Amino acid sequence: MADGIVYLAFDFTPQASVQTEATIERGPTSSGPWTFLAEVALISEAGFFYDTTAPIGEDIWYRVTGTPGTFLPVLILGPFFEPLDENIILLKD
């Protein structure tokens, strides 16, 4: 089965400390279990990520953790759903 594509955009500027990187994880529910996907650099505490391996036909959630700092902010994003529809064409580079 083909993979879907999910675009994530996130912003840590409202947080108490300065974040320069973020860890991206994906899970089947808002509480996990979480699978590591990537670490991304942040610009002005904001970043984005393309998940080109998102499963089609099921809900998925993302956990984004900003670093460094003594207080590590966590964003839970979702649910996202890539439709399983024969009339939709997903393009992948």
C-alpha atoms as a PDB file:
ATOM      1  CA  MET A   1       0.000   0.000   0.000  1.00  0.00           C
ATOM      2  CA  ALA A   2       1.241   3.516  -0.796  1.00  0.00           C
ATOM      3  CA  ASP A   3       2.197   6.031   1.857  1.00  0.00           C
ATOM      4  CA  GLY A   4       0.500   9.373   2.404  1.00  0.00           C
ATOM      5  CA  ILE A   5       2.063  12.759   3.032  1.00  0.00           C
ATOM      6  CA  VAL A   6       1.396  14.935   6.092  1.00  0.00           C
ATOM      7  CA  TYR A   7       2.824  18.448   6.419  1.00  0.00           C
ATOM      8  CA  LEU A   8       3.457  19.635   9.982  1.00  0.00           C
ATOM      9  CA  ALA A   9       4.154  23.230  10.984  1.00  0.00           C
ATOM     10  CA  PHE A  10       4.885  24.077  14.614  1.00  0.00           C
ATOM     11  CA  ASP A  11       5.962  27.055  16.705  1.00  0.00           C
ATOM     12  CA  PHE A  12       7.578  27.110  20.164  1.00  0.00           C
ATOM     13  CA  THR A  13       7.827  30.927  20.545  1.00  0.00           C
ATOM     14  CA  PRO A  14       5.139  31.081  23.292  1.00  0.00           C
ATOM     15  CA  GLN A  15       7.250  28.710  25.449  1.00  0.00           C
ATOM     16  CA  ALA A  16       9.381  29.892  28.387  1.00  0.00           C
ATOM     17  CA  SER A  17      12.792  28.829  27.029  1.00  0.00           C
ATOM     18  CA  VAL A  18      14.459  29.027  23.602  1.00  0.00           C
ATOM     19  CA  GLN A  19      14.202  25.893  21.455  1.00  0.00           C
ATOM     20  CA  THR A  20      16.644  25.306  18.576  1.00  0.00           C
ATOM     21  CA  GLU A  21      15.708  21.728  17.592  1.00  0.00           C
ATOM     22  CA  ALA A  22      12.651  19.502  17.652  1.00  0.00           C
ATOM     23  CA  THR A  23      12.169  15.743  17.779  1.00  0.00           C
ATOM     24  CA  ILE A  24       9.280  14.442  15.655  1.00  0.00           C
ATOM     25  CA  GLU A  25       7.490  11.194  16.592  1.00  0.00           C
ATOM     26  CA  ARG A  26       4.344   9.504  15.250  1.00  0.00           C
ATOM     27  CA  GLY A  27       1.806   7.294  17.036  1.00  0.00           C
ATOM     28  CA  PRO A  28      -1.642   5.740  16.602  1.00  0.00           C
ATOM     29  CA  THR A  29      -3.227   7.711  19.498  1.00  0.00           C
ATOM     30  CA  SER A  30      -2.660  10.983  21.342  1.00  0.00           C
ATOM     31  CA  SER A  31      -0.787   9.034  24.037  1.00  0.00           C
ATOM     32  CA  GLY A  32       1.406   6.888  21.748  1.00  0.00           C
ATOM     33  CA  PRO A  33       3.183   4.570  21.625  1.00  0.00           C
ATOM     34  CA  TRP A  34       5.575   6.867  19.752  1.00  0.00           C
ATOM     35  CA  THR A  35       7.900   6.037  16.873  1.00  0.00           C
ATOM     36  CA  PHE A  36      10.858   8.347  16.213  1.00  0.00           C
ATOM     37  CA  LEU A  37      10.767   9.966  12.760  1.00  0.00           C
ATOM     38  CA  ALA A  38      13.314  12.797  12.712  1.00  0.00           C
ATOM     39  CA  GLU A  39      15.094  15.662  14.412  1.00  0.00           C
ATOM     40  CA  VAL A  40      14.742  19.046  12.727  1.00  0.00           C
ATOM     41  CA  ALA A  41      16.446  22.407  13.212  1.00  0.00           C
ATOM     42  CA  LEU A  42      14.204  25.315  14.175  1.00  0.00           C
ATOM     43  CA  ILE A  43      14.430  28.847  12.822  1.00  0.00           C
ATOM     44  CA  SER A  44      13.236  31.470  15.313  1.00  0.00           C
ATOM     45  CA  GLU A  45      11.741  28.576  17.323  1.00  0.00           C
ATOM     46  CA  ALA A  46       9.483  27.490  14.447  1.00  0.00           C
ATOM     47  CA  GLY A  47       9.820  24.545  12.094  1.00  0.00           C
ATOM     48  CA  PHE A  48       8.149  22.216   9.655  1.00  0.00           C
ATOM     49  CA  PHE A  49       8.315  18.572   8.674  1.00  0.00           C
ATOM     50  CA  TYR A  50       6.970  16.459   5.807  1.00  0.00           C
ATOM     51  CA  ASP A  51       6.023  12.927   6.837  1.00  0.00           C
ATOM     52  CA  THR A  52       6.209  11.052   3.545  1.00  0.00           C
ATOM     53  CA  THR A  53       5.631   7.676   5.227  1.00  0.00           C
ATOM     54  CA  ALA A  54       2.244   8.437   6.811  1.00  0.00           C
ATOM     55  CA  PRO A  55       0.017   5.341   6.739  1.00  0.00           C
ATOM     56  CA  ILE A  56      -3.128   5.624   4.646  1.00  0.00           C
ATOM     57  CA  GLY A  57      -6.554   4.748   6.027  1.00  0.00           C
ATOM     58  CA  GLU A  58      -5.873   5.222   9.747  1.00  0.00           C
ATOM     59  CA  ASP A  59      -5.673   8.032  12.304  1.00  0.00           C
ATOM     60  CA  ILE A  60      -2.172   9.218  13.155  1.00  0.00           C
ATOM     61  CA  TRP A  61      -0.869  11.609  15.801  1.00  0.00           C
ATOM     62  CA  TYR A  62       2.425  13.463  16.125  1.00  0.00           C
ATOM     63  CA  ARG A  63       4.454  14.422  19.189  1.00  0.00           C
ATOM     64  CA  VAL A  64       6.900  17.298  18.687  1.00  0.00           C
ATOM     65  CA  THR A  65       9.382  17.953  21.508  1.00  0.00           C
ATOM     66  CA  GLY A  66      11.490  21.125  21.501  1.00  0.00           C
ATOM     67  CA  THR A  67      15.066  21.158  22.831  1.00  0.00           C
ATOM     68  CA  PRO A  68      17.243  22.337  24.557  1.00  0.00           C
ATOM     69  CA  GLY A  69      16.110  23.632  27.917  1.00  0.00           C
ATOM     70  CA  THR A  70      15.227  22.487  31.398  1.00  0.00           C
ATOM     71  CA  PHE A  71      11.549  22.598  30.471  1.00  0.00           C
ATOM     72  CA  LEU A  72      11.054  20.634  27.242  1.00  0.00           C
ATOM     73  CA  PRO A  73       7.836  21.763  25.571  1.00  0.00           C
ATOM     74  CA  VAL A  74       5.775  19.058  23.899  1.00  0.00           C
ATOM     75  CA  LEU A  75       3.170  19.601  21.199  1.00  0.00           C
ATOM     76  CA  ILE A  76       0.650  16.847  20.417  1.00  0.00           C
ATOM     77  CA  LEU A  77      -0.784  17.291  16.911  1.00  0.00           C
ATOM     78  CA  GLY A  78      -3.634  15.280  15.435  1.00  0.00           C
ATOM     79  CA  PRO A  79      -5.493  13.307  14.582  1.00  0.00           C
ATOM     80  CA  PHE A  80      -4.539  13.295  10.913  1.00  0.00           C
ATOM     81  CA  PHE A  81      -6.212  10.928   8.490  1.00  0.00           C
ATOM     82  CA  GLU A  82      -4.921  10.062   5.033  1.00  0.00           C
ATOM     83  CA  PRO A  83      -8.020   8.901   3.150  1.00  0.00           C
ATOM     84  CA  LEU A  84      -8.092   5.524   1.503  1.00  0.00           C
ATOM     85  CA  ASP A  85      -9.855   6.592  -1.676  1.00  0.00           C
ATOM     86  CA  GLU A  86      -9.237   5.336  -5.193  1.00  0.00           C
ATOM     87  CA  ASN A  87     -10.248   8.746  -6.570  1.00  0.00           C
ATOM     88  CA  ILE A  88      -7.388  10.551  -4.800  1.00  0.00           C
ATOM     89  CA  ILE A  89      -3.894  10.565  -6.246  1.00  0.00           C
ATOM     90  CA  LEU A  90      -1.043  11.171  -3.807  1.00  0.00           C
ATOM     91  CA  LEU A  91       2.206  12.385  -5.343  1.00  0.00           C
ATOM     92  CA  LYS A  92       5.538  11.562  -3.747  1.00  0.00           C
ATOM     93  CA  ASP A  93       8.972  12.832  -4.788  1.00  0.00           C
END
